[in-house]
Amino acid sequence: MGFLDKAKQALDEAKVKAAEAAEQAKVVAAKAGDKAGELANQAKETAGDLADKHGDKVTGAVASAGTFVAEKSGGKLEGVATKAEGLTAKAVDSLKTDGSAEAATPPPPPTGPAADVPPPEDMPDDPSI
């Protein structure tokens, strides 16, 4: 067997080993994908359980904070606060697993002196601007 024959044989063996390694990589990747899916489902389930148990506390806290901000800003940030309350309620509802997401409503509008002041039309979405 000459040098070229040995080189061809080594190349053929390398091709077989590369194909085997590629097949093993596919199996490992499939297992990793399955595990990632399981973990994502567990995280979604846990977030849903937390939203079921504590969602009303979260939306209530944001509503209270919104009322506070609206009052302290003299109503200037009431639109931002109301938007934050609505987005929070929507986020909590989207996580719920107990079937109450369809029936849930956003928190009531703030009350007090700031509730009577309409939000300015030119209010930016980002209050830090």
Protein backbone atom coordinates (compact mmCIF):
# COMPACT_ATOMS: atom_id res chain seq x y z
CA MET A 1 0.00 0.00 0.00
CA GLY A 2 1.47 3.28 -1.13
CA PHE A 3 1.41 6.68 0.49
CA LEU A 4 -1.62 7.87 -1.50
CA ASP A 5 -3.58 4.75 -0.60
CA LYS A 6 -2.84 5.31 3.09
CA ALA A 7 -3.88 8.96 2.81
CA LYS A 8 -7.17 8.01 1.11
CA GLN A 9 -7.85 5.41 3.80
CA ALA A 10 -7.14 7.96 6.56
CA LEU A 11 -9.43 10.47 4.82
CA ASP A 12 -12.24 7.90 4.57
CA GLU A 13 -11.84 7.05 8.27
CA ALA A 14 -11.93 10.75 9.16
CA LYS A 15 -15.13 11.19 7.14
CA VAL A 16 -16.79 8.31 8.99
CA LYS A 17 -15.73 9.69 12.36
CA ALA A 18 -16.94 13.17 11.41
CA ALA A 19 -20.33 11.78 10.38
CA GLU A 20 -20.59 9.89 13.68
CA ALA A 21 -19.68 13.03 15.63
CA ALA A 22 -22.25 15.05 13.70
CA GLU A 23 -24.95 12.48 14.51
CA GLN A 24 -24.02 12.54 18.20
CA ALA A 25 -24.15 16.35 18.15
CA LYS A 26 -27.67 16.20 16.68
CA VAL A 27 -28.80 13.87 19.48
CA VAL A 28 -27.27 16.09 22.18
CA ALA A 29 -28.80 19.22 20.62
CA ALA A 30 -32.22 17.57 20.49
CA LYS A 31 -31.97 16.60 24.16
CA ALA A 32 -30.86 20.11 25.09
CA GLY A 33 -33.77 21.60 23.16
CA ASP A 34 -36.21 19.30 24.91
CA LYS A 35 -34.78 20.23 28.31
CA ALA A 36 -34.93 23.94 27.48
CA GLY A 37 -38.59 23.54 26.51
CA GLU A 38 -39.34 21.77 29.78
CA LEU A 39 -37.62 24.51 31.78
CA ALA A 40 -39.47 27.23 29.86
CA ASN A 41 -42.79 25.52 30.59
CA GLN A 42 -41.90 25.26 34.27
CA ALA A 43 -41.00 28.95 34.39
CA LYS A 44 -44.25 29.90 32.65
CA GLU A 45 -46.23 27.75 35.07
CA THR A 46 -44.48 29.29 38.08
CA ALA A 47 -45.06 32.82 36.78
CA GLY A 48 -48.72 31.96 36.22
CA ASP A 49 -49.08 30.61 39.74
CA LEU A 50 -47.50 33.76 41.16
CA ALA A 51 -49.80 35.94 39.04
CA ASP A 52 -52.80 33.94 40.28
CA LYS A 53 -51.78 34.33 43.92
CA HIS A 54 -50.31 37.82 43.99
CA GLY A 55 -51.47 39.62 40.84
CA ASP A 56 -54.01 41.69 42.73
CA LYS A 57 -51.26 42.88 45.09
CA VAL A 58 -49.07 43.90 42.17
CA THR A 59 -51.80 45.78 40.33
CA GLY A 60 -52.95 47.38 43.59
CA ALA A 61 -49.43 48.54 44.43
CA VAL A 62 -48.95 50.03 40.98
CA ALA A 63 -52.35 51.75 41.22
CA SER A 64 -51.40 53.23 44.61
CA ALA A 65 -48.05 54.37 43.26
CA GLY A 66 -49.78 55.87 40.23
CA THR A 67 -52.18 57.81 42.44
CA PHE A 68 -49.28 59.06 44.56
CA VAL A 69 -47.27 60.14 41.49
CA ALA A 70 -50.28 61.84 39.92
CA GLU A 71 -51.03 63.77 43.10
CA LYS A 72 -47.41 64.76 43.75
CA SER A 73 -46.97 65.95 40.16
CA GLY A 74 -50.14 68.01 40.32
CA GLY A 75 -51.72 65.78 37.69
CA LYS A 76 -48.95 66.27 35.15
CA LEU A 77 -48.01 62.59 35.20
CA GLU A 78 -51.49 61.16 35.61
CA GLY A 79 -51.58 59.89 32.02
CA VAL A 80 -48.30 58.08 32.51
CA ALA A 81 -49.50 56.60 35.79
CA THR A 82 -52.77 55.44 34.24
CA LYS A 83 -50.89 53.88 31.33
CA ALA A 84 -48.56 52.05 33.74
CA GLU A 85 -51.56 50.73 35.68
CA GLY A 86 -53.20 49.43 32.52
CA LEU A 87 -50.02 47.80 31.25
CA THR A 88 -49.43 46.17 34.64
CA ALA A 89 -52.96 44.76 34.72
CA LYS A 90 -52.54 43.47 31.17
CA ALA A 91 -49.19 41.83 32.00
CA VAL A 92 -50.54 40.17 35.14
CA ASP A 93 -53.64 38.95 33.29
CA SER A 94 -51.54 37.47 30.50
CA LEU A 95 -49.65 35.37 33.06
CA LYS A 96 -52.66 34.08 34.96
CA THR A 97 -53.45 30.37 34.70
CA ASP A 98 -56.67 30.17 36.70
CA GLY A 99 -58.86 31.33 33.80
CA SER A 100 -59.58 34.72 35.33
CA ALA A 101 -57.54 36.63 32.74
CA GLU A 102 -60.58 37.03 30.47
CA ALA A 103 -62.71 38.48 33.26
CA ALA A 104 -60.05 40.71 34.81
CA THR A 105 -60.35 44.44 34.42
CA PRO A 106 -57.77 47.16 34.87
CA PRO A 107 -57.73 48.93 38.22
CA PRO A 108 -60.14 51.82 38.71
CA PRO A 109 -58.90 55.29 37.82
CA PRO A 110 -57.19 57.26 40.57
CA THR A 111 -59.26 59.33 42.94
CA GLY A 112 -58.46 62.55 44.70
CA PRO A 113 -57.38 65.97 43.45
CA ALA A 114 -55.25 64.57 40.61
CA ALA A 115 -58.19 62.60 39.20
CA ASP A 116 -59.96 65.80 38.13
CA VAL A 117 -57.02 67.06 36.05
CA PRO A 118 -57.03 65.81 32.44
CA PRO A 119 -53.65 64.59 31.16
CA PRO A 120 -51.87 66.98 28.81
CA GLU A 121 -52.08 66.02 25.14
CA ASP A 122 -48.39 66.56 24.52
CA MET A 123 -47.20 64.32 27.39
CA PRO A 124 -44.24 62.17 26.28
CA ASP A 125 -44.35 58.44 26.88
CA ASP A 126 -41.11 58.64 28.82
CA PRO A 127 -41.54 60.84 31.93
CA SER A 128 -37.76 61.30 32.24
CA ILE A 129 -37.74 63.53 29.14
